[in-house]
Amino acid sequence: MLYIIYQEDRPDGAAIRAAAREEHFAYLDRHKDILVLGGATLAGDDDTTRIGSVLIINVPSFADAEKFSENEPFRKAGLFKSVKVTRMRRGQWNPAAAPSSAEGN
């Protein structure tokens, strides 16, 4: 089942994000078998100011999604002012429409 994890950074979270960055990416790499899509959310058209992140994972249950989220290094470090985990249904699926770069170009 697919779950979307929507996380909003604390306004003072830049230092936390920087300190936990390597551990965060290592965690995602260890769980690449369930990670469908992940990335930072950005402030408007600004391509550098991160305001949170979104992860879409494929796990058997809500409890598994919660466990993944609770153990995510950014969350454990206290980066987020809010975290929402929601089950989603895959509707349209068009990987060819995805941008060719991480920044959406």
PDB file of N, CA and C in Angstrom:
ATOM      1  N   MET A   1       0.837  -1.175   0.000  1.00  0.00           N
ATOM      2  CA  MET A   1       0.000   0.000   0.000  1.00  0.00           C
ATOM      3  C   MET A   1       0.885   1.242   0.000  1.00  0.00           C
ATOM      4  N   LEU A   2       0.415   2.260  -0.656  1.00  0.00           N
ATOM      5  CA  LEU A   2       1.174   3.505  -0.720  1.00  0.00           C
ATOM      6  C   LEU A   2       0.770   4.436   0.418  1.00  0.00           C
ATOM      7  N   TYR A   3       1.778   5.095   0.984  1.00  0.00           N
ATOM      8  CA  TYR A   3       1.568   6.111   2.019  1.00  0.00           C
ATOM      9  C   TYR A   3       2.394   7.323   1.662  1.00  0.00           C
ATOM     10  N   ILE A   4       1.796   8.485   1.845  1.00  0.00           N
ATOM     11  CA  ILE A   4       2.514   9.737   1.650  1.00  0.00           C
ATOM     12  C   ILE A   4       2.807  10.313   3.036  1.00  0.00           C
ATOM     13  N   ILE A   5       4.046  10.717   3.221  1.00  0.00           N
ATOM     14  CA  ILE A   5       4.475  11.323   4.480  1.00  0.00           C
ATOM     15  C   ILE A   5       4.833  12.770   4.161  1.00  0.00           C
ATOM     16  N   TYR A   6       4.017  13.691   4.676  1.00  0.00           N
ATOM     17  CA  TYR A   6       4.203  15.123   4.420  1.00  0.00           C
ATOM     18  C   TYR A   6       4.747  15.751   5.698  1.00  0.00           C
ATOM     19  N   GLN A   7       5.922  16.356   5.602  1.00  0.00           N
ATOM     20  CA  GLN A   7       6.625  16.874   6.774  1.00  0.00           C
ATOM     21  C   GLN A   7       6.957  18.346   6.569  1.00  0.00           C
ATOM     22  N   GLU A   8       6.571  19.171   7.514  1.00  0.00           N
ATOM     23  CA  GLU A   8       6.880  20.602   7.447  1.00  0.00           C
ATOM     24  C   GLU A   8       7.985  20.929   8.446  1.00  0.00           C
ATOM     25  N   ASP A   9       9.020  21.614   7.963  1.00  0.00           N
ATOM     26  CA  ASP A   9      10.139  21.996   8.819  1.00  0.00           C
ATOM     27  C   ASP A   9       9.736  23.043   9.849  1.00  0.00           C
ATOM     28  N   ARG A  10      10.413  23.014  10.976  1.00  0.00           N
ATOM     29  CA  ARG A  10      10.322  24.117  11.936  1.00  0.00           C
ATOM     30  C   ARG A  10      10.982  25.333  11.294  1.00  0.00           C
ATOM     31  N   PRO A  11      10.520  26.534  11.612  1.00  0.00           N
ATOM     32  CA  PRO A  11      11.141  27.733  11.025  1.00  0.00           C
ATOM     33  C   PRO A  11      12.632  27.840  11.329  1.00  0.00           C
ATOM     34  N   ASP A  12      13.061  27.310  12.462  1.00  0.00           N
ATOM     35  CA  ASP A  12      14.469  27.379  12.862  1.00  0.00           C
ATOM     36  C   ASP A  12      15.205  26.064  12.586  1.00  0.00           C
ATOM     37  N   GLY A  13      14.750  25.312  11.590  1.00  0.00           N
ATOM     38  CA  GLY A  13      15.260  23.960  11.377  1.00  0.00           C
ATOM     39  C   GLY A  13      16.442  23.809  10.442  1.00  0.00           C
ATOM     40  N   ALA A  14      16.939  24.877   9.848  1.00  0.00           N
ATOM     41  CA  ALA A  14      18.014  24.747   8.852  1.00  0.00           C
ATOM     42  C   ALA A  14      19.249  24.041   9.417  1.00  0.00           C
ATOM     43  N   ALA A  15      19.634  24.382  10.620  1.00  0.00           N
ATOM     44  CA  ALA A  15      20.823  23.756  11.221  1.00  0.00           C
ATOM     45  C   ALA A  15      20.573  22.275  11.503  1.00  0.00           C
ATOM     46  N   ILE A  16      19.361  21.935  11.925  1.00  0.00           N
ATOM     47  CA  ILE A  16      19.016  20.533  12.180  1.00  0.00           C
ATOM     48  C   ILE A  16      19.085  19.751  10.875  1.00  0.00           C
ATOM     49  N   ARG A  17      18.522  20.334   9.817  1.00  0.00           N
ATOM     50  CA  ARG A  17      18.540  19.682   8.500  1.00  0.00           C
ATOM     51  C   ARG A  17      19.980  19.436   8.051  1.00  0.00           C
ATOM     52  N   ALA A  18      20.827  20.424   8.211  1.00  0.00           N
ATOM     53  CA  ALA A  18      22.221  20.277   7.786  1.00  0.00           C
ATOM     54  C   ALA A  18      22.937  19.200   8.602  1.00  0.00           C
ATOM     55  N   ALA A  19      22.704  19.171   9.899  1.00  0.00           N
ATOM     56  CA  ALA A  19      23.392  18.216  10.774  1.00  0.00           C
ATOM     57  C   ALA A  19      22.954  16.776  10.525  1.00  0.00           C
ATOM     58  N   ALA A  20      21.702  16.559  10.161  1.00  0.00           N
ATOM     59  CA  ALA A  20      21.169  15.200   9.994  1.00  0.00           C
ATOM     60  C   ALA A  20      21.122  14.747   8.539  1.00  0.00           C
ATOM     61  N   ARG A  21      21.586  15.570   7.636  1.00  0.00           N
ATOM     62  CA  ARG A  21      21.464  15.305   6.202  1.00  0.00           C
ATOM     63  C   ARG A  21      22.061  13.960   5.782  1.00  0.00           C
ATOM     64  N   GLU A  22      23.297  13.684   6.161  1.00  0.00           N
ATOM     65  CA  GLU A  22      23.953  12.440   5.745  1.00  0.00           C
ATOM     66  C   GLU A  22      23.225  11.212   6.299  1.00  0.00           C
ATOM     67  N   GLU A  23      22.830  11.278   7.566  1.00  0.00           N
ATOM     68  CA  GLU A  23      22.101  10.167   8.183  1.00  0.00           C
ATOM     69  C   GLU A  23      20.748   9.960   7.494  1.00  0.00           C
ATOM     70  N   HIS A  24      20.094  11.069   7.136  1.00  0.00           N
ATOM     71  CA  HIS A  24      18.814  11.016   6.418  1.00  0.00           C
ATOM     72  C   HIS A  24      18.967  10.271   5.095  1.00  0.00           C
ATOM     73  N   PHE A  25      19.967  10.648   4.297  1.00  0.00           N
ATOM     74  CA  PHE A  25      20.154  10.001   3.004  1.00  0.00           C
ATOM     75  C   PHE A  25      20.566   8.539   3.160  1.00  0.00           C
ATOM     76  N   ALA A  26      21.343   8.229   4.180  1.00  0.00           N
ATOM     77  CA  ALA A  26      21.718   6.834   4.433  1.00  0.00           C
ATOM     78  C   ALA A  26      20.479   6.013   4.795  1.00  0.00           C
ATOM     79  N   TYR A  27      19.583   6.604   5.583  1.00  0.00           N
ATOM     80  CA  TYR A  27      18.341   5.923   5.964  1.00  0.00           C
ATOM     81  C   TYR A  27      17.489   5.637   4.726  1.00  0.00           C
ATOM     82  N   LEU A  28      17.348   6.642   3.867  1.00  0.00           N
ATOM     83  CA  LEU A  28      16.563   6.442   2.646  1.00  0.00           C
ATOM     84  C   LEU A  28      17.210   5.382   1.755  1.00  0.00           C
ATOM     85  N   ASP A  29      18.530   5.378   1.685  1.00  0.00           N
ATOM     86  CA  ASP A  29      19.221   4.385   0.875  1.00  0.00           C
ATOM     87  C   ASP A  29      18.996   2.977   1.431  1.00  0.00           C
ATOM     88  N   ARG A  30      19.008   2.838   2.746  1.00  0.00           N
ATOM     89  CA  ARG A  30      18.761   1.526   3.361  1.00  0.00           C
ATOM     90  C   ARG A  30      17.336   1.036   3.103  1.00  0.00           C
ATOM     91  N   HIS A  31      16.428   1.967   2.832  1.00  0.00           N
ATOM     92  CA  HIS A  31      15.023   1.618   2.607  1.00  0.00           C
ATOM     93  C   HIS A  31      14.584   1.863   1.161  1.00  0.00           C
ATOM     94  N   LYS A  32      15.530   1.814   0.239  1.00  0.00           N
ATOM     95  CA  LYS A  32      15.189   2.085  -1.167  1.00  0.00           C
ATOM     96  C   LYS A  32      14.215   1.059  -1.735  1.00  0.00           C
ATOM     97  N   ASP A  33      14.102  -0.088  -1.077  1.00  0.00           N
ATOM     98  CA  ASP A  33      13.165  -1.104  -1.547  1.00  0.00           C
ATOM     99  C   ASP A  33      11.706  -0.709  -1.320  1.00  0.00           C
ATOM    100  N   ILE A  34      11.447   0.264  -0.438  1.00  0.00           N
ATOM    101  CA  ILE A  34      10.070   0.716  -0.198  1.00  0.00           C
ATOM    102  C   ILE A  34       9.847   2.169  -0.601  1.00  0.00           C
ATOM    103  N   LEU A  35      10.927   2.896  -0.883  1.00  0.00           N
ATOM    104  CA  LEU A  35      10.809   4.318  -1.216  1.00  0.00           C
ATOM    105  C   LEU A  35      10.436   4.477  -2.691  1.00  0.00           C
ATOM    106  N   VAL A  36       9.251   5.007  -2.938  1.00  0.00           N
ATOM    107  CA  VAL A  36       8.770   5.225  -4.295  1.00  0.00           C
ATOM    108  C   VAL A  36       9.248   6.579  -4.812  1.00  0.00           C
ATOM    109  N   LEU A  37       9.149   7.596  -3.973  1.00  0.00           N
ATOM    110  CA  LEU A  37       9.516   8.959  -4.355  1.00  0.00           C
ATOM    111  C   LEU A  37       9.783   9.749  -3.095  1.00  0.00           C
ATOM    112  N   GLY A  38      10.766  10.602  -3.136  1.00  0.00           N
ATOM    113  CA  GLY A  38      11.038  11.461  -1.998  1.00  0.00           C
ATOM    114  C   GLY A  38      11.713  12.732  -2.458  1.00  0.00           C
ATOM    115  N   GLY A  39      11.489  13.798  -1.709  1.00  0.00           N
ATOM    116  CA  GLY A  39      12.157  15.050  -2.033  1.00  0.00           C
ATOM    117  C   GLY A  39      11.759  16.157  -1.096  1.00  0.00           C
ATOM    118  N   ALA A  40      12.562  17.206  -1.119  1.00  0.00           N
ATOM    119  CA  ALA A  40      12.295  18.382  -0.299  1.00  0.00           C
ATOM    120  C   ALA A  40      11.180  19.209  -0.923  1.00  0.00           C
ATOM    121  N   THR A  41      10.379  19.850  -0.075  1.00  0.00           N
ATOM    122  CA  THR A  41       9.436  20.849  -0.562  1.00  0.00           C
ATOM    123  C   THR A  41      10.133  22.196  -0.457  1.00  0.00           C
ATOM    124  N   LEU A  42       9.855  23.052  -1.426  1.00  0.00           N
ATOM    125  CA  LEU A  42      10.575  24.317  -1.556  1.00  0.00           C
ATOM    126  C   LEU A  42       9.625  25.500  -1.422  1.00  0.00           C
ATOM    127  N   ALA A  43      10.171  26.631  -1.037  1.00  0.00           N
ATOM    128  CA  ALA A  43       9.403  27.860  -0.861  1.00  0.00           C
ATOM    129  C   ALA A  43       9.132  28.501  -2.220  1.00  0.00           C
ATOM    130  N   GLY A  44       7.885  28.408  -2.699  1.00  0.00           N
ATOM    131  CA  GLY A  44       7.491  29.044  -3.960  1.00  0.00           C
ATOM    132  C   GLY A  44       8.375  28.628  -5.118  1.00  0.00           C
ATOM    133  N   ASP A  45       8.827  29.590  -5.905  1.00  0.00           N
ATOM    134  CA  ASP A  45       9.705  29.312  -7.032  1.00  0.00           C
ATOM    135  C   ASP A  45      11.166  29.275  -6.626  1.00  0.00           C
ATOM    136  N   ASP A  46      11.439  29.474  -5.344  1.00  0.00           N
ATOM    137  CA  ASP A  46      12.799  29.427  -4.812  1.00  0.00           C
ATOM    138  C   ASP A  46      13.292  27.986  -4.881  1.00  0.00           C
ATOM    139  N   ASP A  47      14.442  27.782  -5.507  1.00  0.00           N
ATOM    140  CA  ASP A  47      14.923  26.405  -5.634  1.00  0.00           C
ATOM    141  C   ASP A  47      15.952  26.022  -4.575  1.00  0.00           C
ATOM    142  N   THR A  48      16.085  26.842  -3.530  1.00  0.00           N
ATOM    143  CA  THR A  48      17.069  26.524  -2.501  1.00  0.00           C
ATOM    144  C   THR A  48      16.501  26.479  -1.087  1.00  0.00           C
ATOM    145  N   THR A  49      15.422  27.186  -0.811  1.00  0.00           N
ATOM    146  CA  THR A  49      14.873  27.236   0.537  1.00  0.00           C
ATOM    147  C   THR A  49      13.947  26.056   0.779  1.00  0.00           C
ATOM    148  N   ARG A  50      14.420  25.112   1.565  1.00  0.00           N
ATOM    149  CA  ARG A  50      13.628  23.925   1.876  1.00  0.00           C
ATOM    150  C   ARG A  50      12.693  24.234   3.037  1.00  0.00           C
ATOM    151  N   ILE A  51      11.440  23.826   2.881  1.00  0.00           N
ATOM    152  CA  ILE A  51      10.442  24.095   3.930  1.00  0.00           C
ATOM    153  C   ILE A  51       9.845  22.797   4.483  1.00  0.00           C
ATOM    154  N   GLY A  52      10.316  21.677   3.964  1.00  0.00           N
ATOM    155  CA  GLY A  52       9.812  20.393   4.419  1.00  0.00           C
ATOM    156  C   GLY A  52      10.205  19.309   3.453  1.00  0.00           C
ATOM    157  N   SER A  53       9.485  18.203   3.505  1.00  0.00           N
ATOM    158  CA  SER A  53       9.755  17.114   2.575  1.00  0.00           C
ATOM    159  C   SER A  53       8.532  16.217   2.426  1.00  0.00           C
ATOM    160  N   VAL A  54       8.541  15.472   1.340  1.00  0.00           N
ATOM    161  CA  VAL A  54       7.489  14.507   1.048  1.00  0.00           C
ATOM    162  C   VAL A  54       8.165  13.182   0.716  1.00  0.00           C
ATOM    163  N   LEU A  55       7.650  12.121   1.303  1.00  0.00           N
ATOM    164  CA  LEU A  55       8.111  10.775   0.991  1.00  0.00           C
ATOM    165  C   LEU A  55       6.887   9.942   0.625  1.00  0.00           C
ATOM    166  N   ILE A  56       6.988   9.166  -0.421  1.00  0.00           N
ATOM    167  CA  ILE A  56       5.949   8.206  -0.761  1.00  0.00           C
ATOM    168  C   ILE A  56       6.594   6.836  -0.642  1.00  0.00           C
ATOM    169  N   ILE A  57       6.002   6.007   0.214  1.00  0.00           N
ATOM    170  CA  ILE A  57       6.557   4.683   0.471  1.00  0.00           C
ATOM    171  C   ILE A  57       5.508   3.613   0.201  1.00  0.00           C
ATOM    172  N   ASN A  58       5.980   2.416  -0.060  1.00  0.00           N
ATOM    173  CA  ASN A  58       5.115   1.272  -0.328  1.00  0.00           C
ATOM    174  C   ASN A  58       5.364   0.247   0.772  1.00  0.00           C
ATOM    175  N   VAL A  59       4.446   0.177   1.736  1.00  0.00           N
ATOM    176  CA  VAL A  59       4.555  -0.730   2.880  1.00  0.00           C
ATOM    177  C   VAL A  59       3.205  -1.402   3.118  1.00  0.00           C
ATOM    178  N   PRO A  60       3.182  -2.508   3.872  1.00  0.00           N
ATOM    179  CA  PRO A  60       1.942  -3.261   4.046  1.00  0.00           C
ATOM    180  C   PRO A  60       0.863  -2.578   4.883  1.00  0.00           C
ATOM    181  N   SER A  61       1.245  -1.663   5.795  1.00  0.00           N
ATOM    182  CA  SER A  61       0.237  -1.126   6.710  1.00  0.00           C
ATOM    183  C   SER A  61       0.575   0.283   7.167  1.00  0.00           C
ATOM    184  N   PHE A  62      -0.451   0.921   7.743  1.00  0.00           N
ATOM    185  CA  PHE A  62      -0.257   2.244   8.332  1.00  0.00           C
ATOM    186  C   PHE A  62       0.780   2.184   9.451  1.00  0.00           C
ATOM    187  N   ALA A  63       0.741   1.128  10.241  1.00  0.00           N
ATOM    188  CA  ALA A  63       1.712   0.975  11.333  1.00  0.00           C
ATOM    189  C   ALA A  63       3.142   0.938  10.788  1.00  0.00           C
ATOM    190  N   ASP A  64       3.351   0.271   9.650  1.00  0.00           N
ATOM    191  CA  ASP A  64       4.675   0.234   9.032  1.00  0.00           C
ATOM    192  C   ASP A  64       5.095   1.618   8.541  1.00  0.00           C
ATOM    193  N   ALA A  65       4.154   2.363   7.981  1.00  0.00           N
ATOM    194  CA  ALA A  65       4.447   3.719   7.521  1.00  0.00           C
ATOM    195  C   ALA A  65       4.806   4.617   8.699  1.00  0.00           C
ATOM    196  N   GLU A  66       4.056   4.510   9.787  1.00  0.00           N
ATOM    197  CA  GLU A  66       4.348   5.291  10.997  1.00  0.00           C
ATOM    198  C   GLU A  66       5.731   4.942  11.546  1.00  0.00           C
ATOM    199  N   LYS A  67       6.047   3.667  11.582  1.00  0.00           N
ATOM    200  CA  LYS A  67       7.352   3.232  12.099  1.00  0.00           C
ATOM    201  C   LYS A  67       8.479   3.794  11.240  1.00  0.00           C
ATOM    202  N   PHE A  68       8.316   3.719   9.918  1.00  0.00           N
ATOM    203  CA  PHE A  68       9.322   4.283   9.008  1.00  0.00           C
ATOM    204  C   PHE A  68       9.500   5.767   9.298  1.00  0.00           C
ATOM    205  N   SER A  69       8.399   6.493   9.413  1.00  0.00           N
ATOM    206  CA  SER A  69       8.447   7.931   9.662  1.00  0.00           C
ATOM    207  C   SER A  69       9.087   8.258  11.011  1.00  0.00           C
ATOM    208  N   GLU A  70       8.703   7.530  12.040  1.00  0.00           N
ATOM    209  CA  GLU A  70       9.233   7.793  13.380  1.00  0.00           C
ATOM    210  C   GLU A  70      10.736   7.568  13.463  1.00  0.00           C
ATOM    211  N   ASN A  71      11.277   6.676  12.637  1.00  0.00           N
ATOM    212  CA  ASN A  71      12.706   6.373  12.667  1.00  0.00           C
ATOM    213  C   ASN A  71      13.523   7.184  11.671  1.00  0.00           C
ATOM    214  N   GLU A  72      12.853   7.997  10.878  1.00  0.00           N
ATOM    215  CA  GLU A  72      13.542   8.821   9.888  1.00  0.00           C
ATOM    216  C   GLU A  72      14.412   9.846  10.630  1.00  0.00           C
ATOM    217  N   PRO A  73      15.690   9.975  10.279  1.00  0.00           N
ATOM    218  CA  PRO A  73      16.612  10.826  11.036  1.00  0.00           C
ATOM    219  C   PRO A  73      16.208  12.291  11.179  1.00  0.00           C
ATOM    220  N   PHE A  74      15.637  12.902  10.162  1.00  0.00           N
ATOM    221  CA  PHE A  74      15.198  14.291  10.306  1.00  0.00           C
ATOM    222  C   PHE A  74      14.127  14.392  11.391  1.00  0.00           C
ATOM    223  N   ARG A  75      13.196  13.458  11.379  1.00  0.00           N
ATOM    224  CA  ARG A  75      12.132  13.476  12.388  1.00  0.00           C
ATOM    225  C   ARG A  75      12.701  13.221  13.781  1.00  0.00           C
ATOM    226  N   LYS A  76      13.572  12.235  13.894  1.00  0.00           N
ATOM    227  CA  LYS A  76      14.178  11.930  15.190  1.00  0.00           C
ATOM    228  C   LYS A  76      14.976  13.115  15.734  1.00  0.00           C
ATOM    229  N   ALA A  77      15.557  13.919  14.840  1.00  0.00           N
ATOM    230  CA  ALA A  77      16.351  15.077  15.251  1.00  0.00           C
ATOM    231  C   ALA A  77      15.482  16.279  15.626  1.00  0.00           C
ATOM    232  N   GLY A  78      14.173  16.192  15.390  1.00  0.00           N
ATOM    233  CA  GLY A  78      13.276  17.283  15.755  1.00  0.00           C
ATOM    234  C   GLY A  78      13.132  18.367  14.705  1.00  0.00           C
ATOM    235  N   LEU A  79      13.414  18.038  13.446  1.00  0.00           N
ATOM    236  CA  LEU A  79      13.338  19.035  12.374  1.00  0.00           C
ATOM    237  C   LEU A  79      11.925  19.507  12.073  1.00  0.00           C
ATOM    238  N   PHE A  80      10.943  18.653  12.231  1.00  0.00           N
ATOM    239  CA  PHE A  80       9.614  18.964  11.719  1.00  0.00           C
ATOM    240  C   PHE A  80       8.684  19.574  12.757  1.00  0.00           C
ATOM    241  N   LYS A  81       7.940  20.591  12.311  1.00  0.00           N
ATOM    242  CA  LYS A  81       6.887  21.148  13.175  1.00  0.00           C
ATOM    243  C   LYS A  81       5.609  20.331  13.031  1.00  0.00           C
ATOM    244  N   SER A  82       5.474  19.618  11.899  1.00  0.00           N
ATOM    245  CA  SER A  82       4.316  18.739  11.726  1.00  0.00           C
ATOM    246  C   SER A  82       4.670  17.605  10.775  1.00  0.00           C
ATOM    247  N   VAL A  83       4.039  16.463  11.013  1.00  0.00           N
ATOM    248  CA  VAL A  83       4.199  15.280  10.171  1.00  0.00           C
ATOM    249  C   VAL A  83       2.816  14.674   9.982  1.00  0.00           C
ATOM    250  N   LYS A  84       2.470  14.393   8.738  1.00  0.00           N
ATOM    251  CA  LYS A  84       1.194  13.756   8.449  1.00  0.00           C
ATOM    252  C   LYS A  84       1.457  12.533   7.572  1.00  0.00           C
ATOM    253  N   VAL A  85       0.961  11.389   8.007  1.00  0.00           N
ATOM    254  CA  VAL A  85       1.080  10.139   7.255  1.00  0.00           C
ATOM    255  C   VAL A  85      -0.316   9.760   6.794  1.00  0.00           C
ATOM    256  N   THR A  86      -0.470   9.591   5.488  1.00  0.00           N
ATOM    257  CA  THR A  86      -1.779   9.305   4.907  1.00  0.00           C
ATOM    258  C   THR A  86      -1.653   8.221   3.849  1.00  0.00           C
ATOM    259  N   ARG A  87      -2.587   7.276   3.885  1.00  0.00           N
ATOM    260  CA  ARG A  87      -2.620   6.273   2.820  1.00  0.00           C
ATOM    261  C   ARG A  87      -3.105   6.938   1.543  1.00  0.00           C
ATOM    262  N   MET A  88      -2.531   6.511   0.437  1.00  0.00           N
ATOM    263  CA  MET A  88      -2.968   7.042  -0.850  1.00  0.00           C
ATOM    264  C   MET A  88      -3.179   5.889  -1.815  1.00  0.00           C
ATOM    265  N   ARG A  89      -3.966   6.159  -2.799  1.00  0.00           N
ATOM    266  CA  ARG A  89      -4.233   5.190  -3.860  1.00  0.00           C
ATOM    267  C   ARG A  89      -3.540   5.680  -5.117  1.00  0.00           C
ATOM    268  N   ARG A  90      -2.828   4.801  -5.771  1.00  0.00           N
ATOM    269  CA  ARG A  90      -2.184   5.187  -7.023  1.00  0.00           C
ATOM    270  C   ARG A  90      -3.243   5.332  -8.096  1.00  0.00           C
ATOM    271  N   GLY A  91      -3.354   6.532  -8.614  1.00  0.00           N
ATOM    272  CA  GLY A  91      -4.277   6.802  -9.707  1.00  0.00           C
ATOM    273  C   GLY A  91      -3.486   6.853 -10.999  1.00  0.00           C
ATOM    274  N   GLN A  92      -3.271   8.024 -11.479  1.00  0.00           N
ATOM    275  CA  GLN A  92      -2.491   8.193 -12.697  1.00  0.00           C
ATOM    276  C   GLN A  92      -1.035   7.855 -12.400  1.00  0.00           C
ATOM    277  N   TRP A  93      -0.380   7.283 -13.375  1.00  0.00           N
ATOM    278  CA  TRP A  93       1.022   6.897 -13.218  1.00  0.00           C
ATOM    279  C   TRP A  93       1.710   7.184 -14.534  1.00  0.00           C
ATOM    280  N   ASN A  94       2.575   8.176 -14.560  1.00  0.00           N
ATOM    281  CA  ASN A  94       3.233   8.576 -15.793  1.00  0.00           C
ATOM    282  C   ASN A  94       4.670   8.968 -15.508  1.00  0.00           C
ATOM    283  N   PRO A  95       5.552   8.017 -15.248  1.00  0.00           N
ATOM    284  CA  PRO A  95       6.954   8.345 -14.956  1.00  0.00           C
ATOM    285  C   PRO A  95       7.629   9.139 -16.067  1.00  0.00           C
ATOM    286  N   ALA A  96       7.158   9.000 -17.302  1.00  0.00           N
ATOM    287  CA  ALA A  96       7.762   9.730 -18.411  1.00  0.00           C
ATOM    288  C   ALA A  96       7.575  11.237 -18.272  1.00  0.00           C
ATOM    289  N   ALA A  97       6.575  11.662 -17.504  1.00  0.00           N
ATOM    290  CA  ALA A  97       6.338  13.093 -17.318  1.00  0.00           C
ATOM    291  C   ALA A  97       7.208  13.698 -16.220  1.00  0.00           C
ATOM    292  N   ALA A  98       7.951  12.865 -15.501  1.00  0.00           N
ATOM    293  CA  ALA A  98       8.810  13.369 -14.430  1.00  0.00           C
ATOM    294  C   ALA A  98       9.945  14.192 -15.013  1.00  0.00           C
ATOM    295  N   PRO A  99      10.371  15.232 -14.298  1.00  0.00           N
ATOM    296  CA  PRO A  99      11.488  16.049 -14.804  1.00  0.00           C
ATOM    297  C   PRO A  99      12.777  15.245 -14.847  1.00  0.00           C
ATOM    298  N   SER A 100      13.688  15.670 -15.698  1.00  0.00           N
ATOM    299  CA  SER A 100      14.943  14.931 -15.843  1.00  0.00           C
ATOM    300  C   SER A 100      15.971  15.282 -14.772  1.00  0.00           C
ATOM    301  N   SER A 101      15.745  16.359 -14.030  1.00  0.00           N
ATOM    302  CA  SER A 101      16.680  16.725 -12.962  1.00  0.00           C
ATOM    303  C   SER A 101      15.953  16.793 -11.626  1.00  0.00           C
ATOM    304  N   ALA A 102      16.706  16.713 -10.561  1.00  0.00           N
ATOM    305  CA  ALA A 102      16.116  16.775  -9.223  1.00  0.00           C
ATOM    306  C   ALA A 102      15.429  18.111  -8.964  1.00  0.00           C
ATOM    307  N   GLU A 103      15.889  19.155  -9.580  1.00  0.00           N
ATOM    308  CA  GLU A 103      15.311  20.485  -9.368  1.00  0.00           C
ATOM    309  C   GLU A 103      14.130  20.771 -10.293  1.00  0.00           C
ATOM    310  N   GLY A 104      13.769  19.797 -11.112  1.00  0.00           N
ATOM    311  CA  GLY A 104      12.562  19.943 -11.929  1.00  0.00           C
ATOM    312  C   GLY A 104      12.785  20.551 -13.290  1.00  0.00           C
ATOM    313  N   ASN A 105      14.005  20.596 -13.744  1.00  0.00           N
ATOM    314  CA  ASN A 105      14.293  21.178 -15.068  1.00  0.00           C
ATOM    315  C   ASN A 105      14.135  20.142 -16.156  1.00  0.00           C
TER     316      ASN A 105
END
